[in-house]
Amino acid sequence: MAETTVPIQPESSPAAAQKKASSGALNRILKYTLVRTIVLFITVVVGIYLTILIANMGGHVDNIRKAQIREGLAVAVGLSDEFRQLTPEMRRQTIEALALEEERRIGLDQPFILRSFGFLKNALTMNLGFAESMSSDSGSRTVRLIILERLPSTLVLFATANIFLFFLSIFAALILSRNYGSVIDRFVVAMAPTSAAPGWFYGIFLILIFAALLGWLPFGGMVSAPPPESKLLYAASLLRHMILPTAAIVVSTVFLTIYTWRTFFLIYSSEDYVEMAKAKGLTSRMIERRYILRPTLPTIITTFALTLINLWTGAIILETVFNWPGLGRLLFRAIGLFDTPVIVGSTVIYAYLLAITVFLLDFIYALVDPRVKVGGGGPKT
């Protein structure tokens, strides 16, 4: 009986296997990137559309605008000698005809639900349009210019306060984690509940003490009036006006932030591998850098990234209390005037920045934490 031979399949080379693994990893990354992009885009769309509905009160703002149009036309017709000779009924018909024409011009003759999708399309394409009641200092009613005009003021104040607060909290928390149970540590723990009050609450007291009673610092505003002509004097005036709002922001959150980071560092400093590192004779600085700060790096990066995003939004009440000409005060005025394009424009910018930040954080995590693999289904333990 003849023997049958089975052909032996050649083993794949290591280079081919590595190429196949790299190709699979690239496909997973591309798939993960596509899925995350779609999910974040849907989130942005839903958030912006809800903002449009809330800013227009479900269409109630249209009724307010229609009433304002008729009120303005009634005053104009009443002051006109030409229309004053008409009978009351004819004046009423004239006002109604002019009002309908104005409503047709600005699109109020269409149902709000249809117009809301037009607002959504313009918002997603960054076509922010024109403000209804507000204007920039240069007289422009373009929403983009109105926001860009107030953006530097917000960035100067909140970048200074929040970045200073962030690094101060990190370094202070490290010091407290080394001195657990000390007098300073107990003081910070006891003062942490004071962060329940917002920054504007402390700002009122700071204004009363340092501006009203002592007269050391100005009440509010960004610079003195009239503004100094010299750049050096202008910068000095700006720094002087920044002291109180910056102090209000820092005081309102510094103790809770330090307490939070101190708790994180204490948790990681009690791990077994930290005790092993101490037994090996490593210095405390090296242990903090390798075994305490490194595990908390994703949390630190997330907090710092969200801090940068918050710089673009400002704080509505705090900027109003200090009369600071930033985005927060701009949004406060827009809400009071029912200026929907400005409200939606501010929200659109924030939504895009937040989505981009969350998207980038996923990839940054893969760089700082070797357990995380993008598109790999989560941490490897």
Protein backbone atom coordinates (compact mmCIF):
# COMPACT_ATOMS: atom_id res chain seq x y z
CA MET A 1 0.00 0.00 0.00
CA ALA A 2 1.43 3.34 -1.06
CA GLU A 3 2.20 5.84 1.65
CA THR A 4 0.63 9.29 1.46
CA THR A 5 2.72 12.31 2.38
CA VAL A 6 1.26 15.43 3.93
CA PRO A 7 2.92 18.65 2.78
CA ILE A 8 4.50 20.61 5.60
CA GLN A 9 3.37 24.27 5.75
CA PRO A 10 6.29 26.66 6.10
CA GLU A 11 6.37 28.56 9.34
CA SER A 12 5.68 32.26 9.08
CA SER A 13 8.72 34.42 9.57
CA PRO A 14 8.97 36.75 12.59
CA ALA A 15 8.97 39.76 10.25
CA ALA A 16 5.67 38.69 8.68
CA ALA A 17 4.12 38.09 12.08
CA GLN A 18 5.27 41.51 13.28
CA LYS A 19 3.90 43.13 10.13
CA LYS A 20 0.55 41.40 10.65
CA ALA A 21 0.43 42.51 14.28
CA SER A 22 1.27 46.10 13.31
CA SER A 23 -1.42 46.06 10.64
CA GLY A 24 -3.96 44.76 13.16
CA ALA A 25 -3.00 47.42 15.70
CA LEU A 26 -3.32 50.15 13.05
CA ASN A 27 -6.77 48.89 12.07
CA ARG A 28 -7.86 48.91 15.71
CA ILE A 29 -6.61 52.48 16.16
CA LEU A 30 -8.39 53.66 12.99
CA LYS A 31 -11.61 51.93 14.01
CA TYR A 32 -11.39 53.35 17.52
CA THR A 33 -10.68 56.86 16.17
CA LEU A 34 -13.67 56.68 13.82
CA VAL A 35 -16.02 55.43 16.54
CA ARG A 36 -14.86 58.06 19.06
CA THR A 37 -15.21 60.81 16.46
CA ILE A 38 -18.77 59.78 15.64
CA VAL A 39 -19.75 59.49 19.31
CA LEU A 40 -18.26 62.87 20.21
CA PHE A 41 -19.86 64.52 17.19
CA ILE A 42 -23.27 63.17 18.18
CA THR A 43 -22.67 64.44 21.71
CA VAL A 44 -21.80 67.91 20.39
CA VAL A 45 -24.90 67.94 18.16
CA VAL A 46 -27.21 66.97 21.02
CA GLY A 47 -25.60 69.50 23.39
CA ILE A 48 -25.84 72.37 20.89
CA TYR A 49 -29.43 71.54 19.94
CA LEU A 50 -30.48 71.44 23.59
CA THR A 51 -28.79 74.83 24.05
CA ILE A 52 -30.79 76.19 21.11
CA LEU A 53 -34.04 74.91 22.62
CA ILE A 54 -33.20 76.30 26.08
CA ALA A 55 -31.95 79.65 24.78
CA ASN A 56 -35.16 80.10 22.80
CA MET A 57 -37.29 78.70 25.65
CA GLY A 58 -38.83 76.23 23.24
CA GLY A 59 -39.96 79.06 20.96
CA HIS A 60 -41.19 81.44 23.67
CA VAL A 61 -38.45 83.95 22.77
CA ASP A 62 -40.10 84.26 19.34
CA ASN A 63 -43.26 85.54 21.02
CA ILE A 64 -41.18 88.04 23.01
CA ARG A 65 -39.50 89.30 19.83
CA LYS A 66 -42.85 89.60 18.05
CA ALA A 67 -44.20 91.66 20.94
CA GLN A 68 -41.08 93.87 20.85
CA ILE A 69 -41.52 94.44 17.11
CA ARG A 70 -45.15 95.51 17.56
CA GLU A 71 -44.28 97.72 20.52
CA GLY A 72 -41.54 99.49 18.58
CA LEU A 73 -43.78 99.98 15.55
CA ALA A 74 -46.60 101.33 17.72
CA VAL A 75 -44.27 103.95 19.19
CA ALA A 76 -42.92 104.87 15.74
CA VAL A 77 -46.41 105.15 14.23
CA GLY A 78 -47.64 107.21 17.20
CA LEU A 79 -44.81 109.72 16.75
CA SER A 80 -45.26 110.03 12.98
CA ASP A 81 -47.38 112.96 11.75
CA GLU A 82 -48.29 111.00 8.63
CA PHE A 83 -49.81 108.05 10.51
CA ARG A 84 -51.32 110.21 13.26
CA GLN A 85 -54.03 111.41 10.86
CA LEU A 86 -55.28 107.85 10.33
CA THR A 87 -58.12 106.35 12.32
CA PRO A 88 -57.22 103.98 15.21
CA GLU A 89 -58.37 101.00 13.15
CA MET A 90 -56.24 101.99 10.18
CA ARG A 91 -53.22 102.57 12.45
CA ARG A 92 -53.73 99.12 13.96
CA GLN A 93 -53.89 97.53 10.49
CA THR A 94 -50.78 99.44 9.43
CA ILE A 95 -48.85 98.31 12.49
CA GLU A 96 -49.94 94.69 11.92
CA ALA A 97 -48.92 94.79 8.24
CA LEU A 98 -45.52 96.28 9.06
CA ALA A 99 -45.04 93.74 11.87
CA LEU A 100 -45.84 90.81 9.57
CA GLU A 101 -43.39 92.15 7.01
CA GLU A 102 -40.64 92.44 9.65
CA GLU A 103 -41.38 88.95 10.96
CA ARG A 104 -41.15 87.59 7.43
CA ARG A 105 -37.84 89.38 6.92
CA ILE A 106 -36.18 87.82 9.98
CA GLY A 107 -37.89 84.44 9.58
CA LEU A 108 -40.34 84.57 12.47
CA ASP A 109 -43.18 83.56 10.14
CA GLN A 110 -41.83 80.00 10.12
CA PRO A 111 -42.45 77.51 12.97
CA PHE A 112 -39.69 77.47 15.55
CA ILE A 113 -39.07 73.73 15.22
CA LEU A 114 -38.09 74.23 11.57
CA ARG A 115 -35.92 77.25 12.30
CA SER A 116 -34.18 75.37 15.13
CA PHE A 117 -32.63 72.93 12.65
CA GLY A 118 -31.37 75.89 10.63
CA PHE A 119 -29.79 77.27 13.80
CA LEU A 120 -28.21 73.86 14.43
CA LYS A 121 -26.72 73.70 10.92
CA ASN A 122 -25.25 77.20 11.22
CA ALA A 123 -23.84 76.42 14.67
CA LEU A 124 -22.15 73.19 13.57
CA THR A 125 -20.55 74.96 10.60
CA MET A 126 -19.38 77.82 12.90
CA ASN A 127 -21.62 80.26 11.00
CA LEU A 128 -22.55 82.13 14.17
CA GLY A 129 -24.34 84.93 12.35
CA PHE A 130 -25.23 88.30 13.84
CA ALA A 131 -26.34 89.29 17.32
CA GLU A 132 -29.89 90.50 17.75
CA SER A 133 -29.34 93.15 20.43
CA MET A 134 -25.64 93.26 21.28
CA SER A 135 -22.64 94.70 19.46
CA SER A 136 -18.89 94.89 19.93
CA ASP A 137 -17.06 97.99 21.05
CA SER A 138 -16.27 98.68 17.40
CA GLY A 139 -19.98 98.59 16.54
CA SER A 140 -20.02 95.21 14.78
CA ARG A 141 -22.93 92.84 15.42
CA THR A 142 -21.06 89.78 14.17
CA VAL A 143 -21.16 87.16 16.92
CA ARG A 144 -17.66 85.93 16.12
CA LEU A 145 -16.20 89.42 16.56
CA ILE A 146 -18.18 90.03 19.75
CA ILE A 147 -16.82 86.84 21.31
CA LEU A 148 -13.25 87.37 20.09
CA GLU A 149 -13.29 90.91 21.50
CA ARG A 150 -14.06 89.62 25.03
CA LEU A 151 -11.90 86.49 24.85
CA PRO A 152 -8.51 88.09 25.75
CA SER A 153 -9.90 89.58 28.97
CA THR A 154 -11.18 86.19 30.14
CA LEU A 155 -7.98 84.37 29.19
CA VAL A 156 -5.77 86.87 31.02
CA LEU A 157 -7.71 86.59 34.28
CA PHE A 158 -8.60 82.90 34.38
CA ALA A 159 -5.34 81.63 32.89
CA THR A 160 -3.41 83.45 35.60
CA ALA A 161 -5.71 82.29 38.42
CA ASN A 162 -6.31 78.68 37.36
CA ILE A 163 -2.78 77.80 36.27
CA PHE A 164 -1.38 79.31 39.47
CA LEU A 165 -4.00 77.39 41.47
CA PHE A 166 -3.23 74.13 39.66
CA PHE A 167 0.53 74.10 40.29
CA LEU A 168 0.16 75.51 43.80
CA SER A 169 -2.24 72.68 44.67
CA ILE A 170 0.05 69.98 43.27
CA PHE A 171 3.15 71.15 45.15
CA ALA A 172 1.25 71.89 48.37
CA ALA A 173 -0.42 68.46 48.25
CA LEU A 174 2.96 66.75 47.85
CA ILE A 175 4.25 68.60 50.91
CA LEU A 176 1.18 67.61 52.93
CA SER A 177 1.48 63.97 51.87
CA ARG A 178 5.01 63.96 53.33
CA ASN A 179 3.73 65.55 56.56
CA TYR A 180 0.52 63.60 57.10
CA GLY A 181 -1.15 64.51 60.39
CA SER A 182 0.80 67.72 60.92
CA VAL A 183 -0.78 70.98 62.02
CA ILE A 184 -0.83 72.34 58.47
CA ASP A 185 -2.36 69.11 57.19
CA ARG A 186 -5.16 69.27 59.75
CA PHE A 187 -5.71 72.95 58.95
CA VAL A 188 -6.16 72.22 55.22
CA VAL A 189 -8.56 69.36 55.97
CA ALA A 190 -10.58 71.62 58.27
CA MET A 191 -10.70 74.42 55.67
CA ALA A 192 -11.70 72.18 52.75
CA PRO A 193 -15.48 72.70 53.30
CA THR A 194 -15.01 76.45 52.73
CA SER A 195 -14.67 75.66 49.02
CA ALA A 196 -18.42 75.07 48.91
CA ALA A 197 -18.87 78.83 48.44
CA PRO A 198 -18.29 80.13 44.89
CA GLY A 199 -15.60 82.62 43.94
CA TRP A 200 -17.96 85.59 43.61
CA PHE A 201 -19.04 85.07 47.25
CA TYR A 202 -15.48 85.63 48.46
CA GLY A 203 -15.09 88.36 45.86
CA ILE A 204 -17.78 90.47 47.53
CA PHE A 205 -15.97 90.30 50.87
CA LEU A 206 -12.62 91.07 49.25
CA ILE A 207 -14.12 94.15 47.58
CA LEU A 208 -15.66 95.31 50.87
CA ILE A 209 -12.41 94.89 52.79
CA PHE A 210 -9.64 95.88 50.38
CA ALA A 211 -11.51 98.31 48.12
CA ALA A 212 -14.27 99.89 50.18
CA LEU A 213 -12.80 99.93 53.72
CA LEU A 214 -9.05 100.03 53.22
CA GLY A 215 -9.01 101.59 49.75
CA TRP A 216 -5.89 99.68 48.74
CA LEU A 217 -7.25 98.20 45.50
CA PRO A 218 -9.79 99.29 42.85
CA PHE A 219 -13.43 98.18 42.99
CA GLY A 220 -13.56 96.53 39.60
CA GLY A 221 -12.91 96.82 35.91
CA MET A 222 -9.89 95.73 33.93
CA VAL A 223 -7.82 98.94 33.91
CA SER A 224 -8.12 102.45 35.26
CA ALA A 225 -10.32 104.98 33.49
CA PRO A 226 -9.09 106.55 31.32
CA PRO A 227 -6.63 103.79 30.37
CA PRO A 228 -2.93 104.70 30.76
CA GLU A 229 -1.20 105.55 27.50
CA SER A 230 2.12 103.96 28.45
CA LYS A 231 2.32 100.18 27.99
CA LEU A 232 4.18 99.80 31.27
CA LEU A 233 1.58 101.79 33.20
CA TYR A 234 -1.20 99.90 31.41
CA ALA A 235 0.30 96.55 32.48
CA ALA A 236 0.71 97.80 36.06
CA SER A 237 -2.92 98.93 36.13
CA LEU A 238 -4.04 95.58 34.72
CA LEU A 239 -2.10 93.63 37.36
CA ARG A 240 -3.52 95.84 40.11
CA HIS A 241 -7.09 95.23 38.92
CA MET A 242 -6.43 91.47 38.67
CA ILE A 243 -5.46 91.03 42.31
CA LEU A 244 -8.96 90.82 43.81
CA PRO A 245 -10.64 88.57 41.19
CA THR A 246 -7.61 86.28 41.10
CA ALA A 247 -7.60 86.04 44.89
CA ALA A 248 -11.33 85.26 44.87
CA ILE A 249 -10.86 82.38 42.42
CA VAL A 250 -7.90 80.94 44.32
CA VAL A 251 -9.42 81.26 47.81
CA SER A 252 -12.69 79.66 46.71
CA THR A 253 -11.10 76.36 45.64
CA VAL A 254 -7.53 76.15 46.94
CA PHE A 255 -8.18 74.16 50.12
CA LEU A 256 -10.45 71.58 48.52
CA THR A 257 -8.08 71.15 45.57
CA ILE A 258 -5.08 70.66 47.83
CA TYR A 259 -7.06 68.21 49.98
CA THR A 260 -8.11 66.21 46.89
CA TRP A 261 -4.58 65.90 45.50
CA ARG A 262 -3.18 65.18 48.95
CA THR A 263 -5.65 62.27 49.27
CA PHE A 264 -4.58 60.89 45.87
CA PHE A 265 -0.91 61.04 46.80
CA LEU A 266 -1.53 59.39 50.19
CA ILE A 267 -3.42 56.52 48.56
CA TYR A 268 -0.57 55.75 46.17
CA SER A 269 2.13 56.29 48.79
CA SER A 270 0.64 53.46 50.88
CA GLU A 271 0.95 50.86 48.11
CA ASP A 272 3.20 47.84 48.58
CA TYR A 273 5.52 48.78 45.73
CA VAL A 274 6.23 52.10 47.47
CA GLU A 275 7.22 50.24 50.63
CA MET A 276 9.43 48.01 48.48
CA ALA A 277 11.08 51.07 46.95
CA LYS A 278 11.73 52.48 50.42
CA ALA A 279 13.29 49.16 51.44
CA LYS A 280 15.62 49.36 48.42
CA GLY A 281 16.90 52.67 49.73
CA LEU A 282 15.49 54.97 47.06
CA THR A 283 15.29 58.64 47.97
CA SER A 284 11.94 60.21 48.79
CA ARG A 285 12.15 62.47 45.73
CA MET A 286 12.72 59.51 43.44
CA ILE A 287 9.86 57.58 45.06
CA GLU A 288 7.51 60.52 44.59
CA ARG A 289 8.50 60.95 40.96
CA ARG A 290 8.38 57.28 39.94
CA TYR A 291 5.79 55.65 42.19
CA ILE A 292 3.42 58.43 43.29
CA LEU A 293 3.31 61.08 40.58
CA ARG A 294 3.50 58.60 37.68
CA PRO A 295 0.32 56.64 38.62
CA THR A 296 -1.59 59.88 39.17
CA LEU A 297 -0.37 61.41 35.90
CA PRO A 298 -3.57 60.57 33.92
CA THR A 299 -5.67 62.33 36.57
CA ILE A 300 -3.31 65.31 36.62
CA ILE A 301 -3.42 65.59 32.83
CA THR A 302 -7.23 65.36 32.78
CA THR A 303 -7.58 68.07 35.42
CA PHE A 304 -5.12 70.34 33.65
CA ALA A 305 -6.84 69.85 30.27
CA LEU A 306 -10.28 70.64 31.70
CA THR A 307 -8.75 73.66 33.43
CA LEU A 308 -7.57 74.96 30.07
CA ILE A 309 -11.04 74.46 28.61
CA ASN A 310 -12.64 76.39 31.46
CA LEU A 311 -10.39 79.34 30.64
CA TRP A 312 -12.52 79.97 27.55
CA THR A 313 -15.81 80.20 29.41
CA GLY A 314 -15.08 82.58 32.26
CA ALA A 315 -17.47 82.88 35.20
CA ILE A 316 -20.75 84.69 34.74
CA ILE A 317 -21.37 86.01 38.25
CA LEU A 318 -17.72 86.58 39.20
CA GLU A 319 -17.02 88.70 36.12
CA THR A 320 -20.24 90.61 36.77
CA VAL A 321 -19.30 91.27 40.41
CA PHE A 322 -15.86 92.58 39.42
CA ASN A 323 -17.16 94.33 36.27
CA TRP A 324 -14.62 92.33 34.28
CA PRO A 325 -15.25 92.63 30.49
CA GLY A 326 -14.92 88.93 29.68
CA LEU A 327 -16.96 86.12 28.15
CA GLY A 328 -18.81 85.40 31.39
CA ARG A 329 -20.17 88.92 31.63
CA LEU A 330 -20.93 88.85 27.92
CA LEU A 331 -23.01 85.68 28.38
CA PHE A 332 -24.79 87.26 31.36
CA ARG A 333 -25.83 90.24 29.21
CA ALA A 334 -26.85 87.96 26.33
CA ILE A 335 -29.14 85.95 28.63
CA GLY A 336 -30.73 89.13 29.95
CA LEU A 337 -31.34 90.44 26.41
CA PHE A 338 -32.50 87.04 25.03
CA ASP A 339 -29.73 87.32 22.44
CA THR A 340 -29.84 83.71 21.23
CA PRO A 341 -27.00 83.90 18.64
CA VAL A 342 -24.49 85.05 21.27
CA ILE A 343 -25.61 82.38 23.76
CA VAL A 344 -25.43 79.63 21.15
CA GLY A 345 -22.09 80.92 19.82
CA SER A 346 -20.47 80.75 23.26
CA THR A 347 -21.83 77.23 23.78
CA VAL A 348 -20.66 76.06 20.35
CA ILE A 349 -17.08 77.12 21.01
CA TYR A 350 -17.09 75.43 24.43
CA ALA A 351 -18.63 72.22 23.02
CA TYR A 352 -16.03 71.90 20.28
CA LEU A 353 -13.15 72.58 22.67
CA LEU A 354 -14.46 70.03 25.16
CA ALA A 355 -14.93 67.36 22.46
CA ILE A 356 -11.42 67.92 21.06
CA THR A 357 -9.94 67.74 24.57
CA VAL A 358 -11.70 64.46 25.39
CA PHE A 359 -10.60 63.03 22.05
CA LEU A 360 -6.95 63.95 22.58
CA LEU A 361 -6.96 62.73 26.19
CA ASP A 362 -7.65 59.16 25.03
CA PHE A 363 -4.40 59.15 23.07
CA ILE A 364 -2.42 61.00 25.75
CA TYR A 365 -3.45 58.32 28.25
CA ALA A 366 -1.86 55.70 26.00
CA LEU A 367 1.42 57.62 26.14
CA VAL A 368 1.56 58.21 29.90
CA ASP A 369 0.07 54.89 31.03
CA PRO A 370 1.53 51.75 29.41
CA ARG A 371 -1.47 49.70 30.55
CA VAL A 372 -3.77 51.65 28.21
CA LYS A 373 -3.88 50.69 24.55
CA VAL A 374 -5.94 52.77 22.14
CA GLY A 375 -8.61 50.59 20.65
CA GLY A 376 -7.41 47.64 22.65
CA GLY A 377 -10.47 47.31 24.84
CA GLY A 378 -9.21 49.06 27.95
CA PRO A 379 -6.36 48.72 30.41
CA LYS A 380 -4.27 45.58 30.48
CA THR A 381 -3.90 44.27 34.02
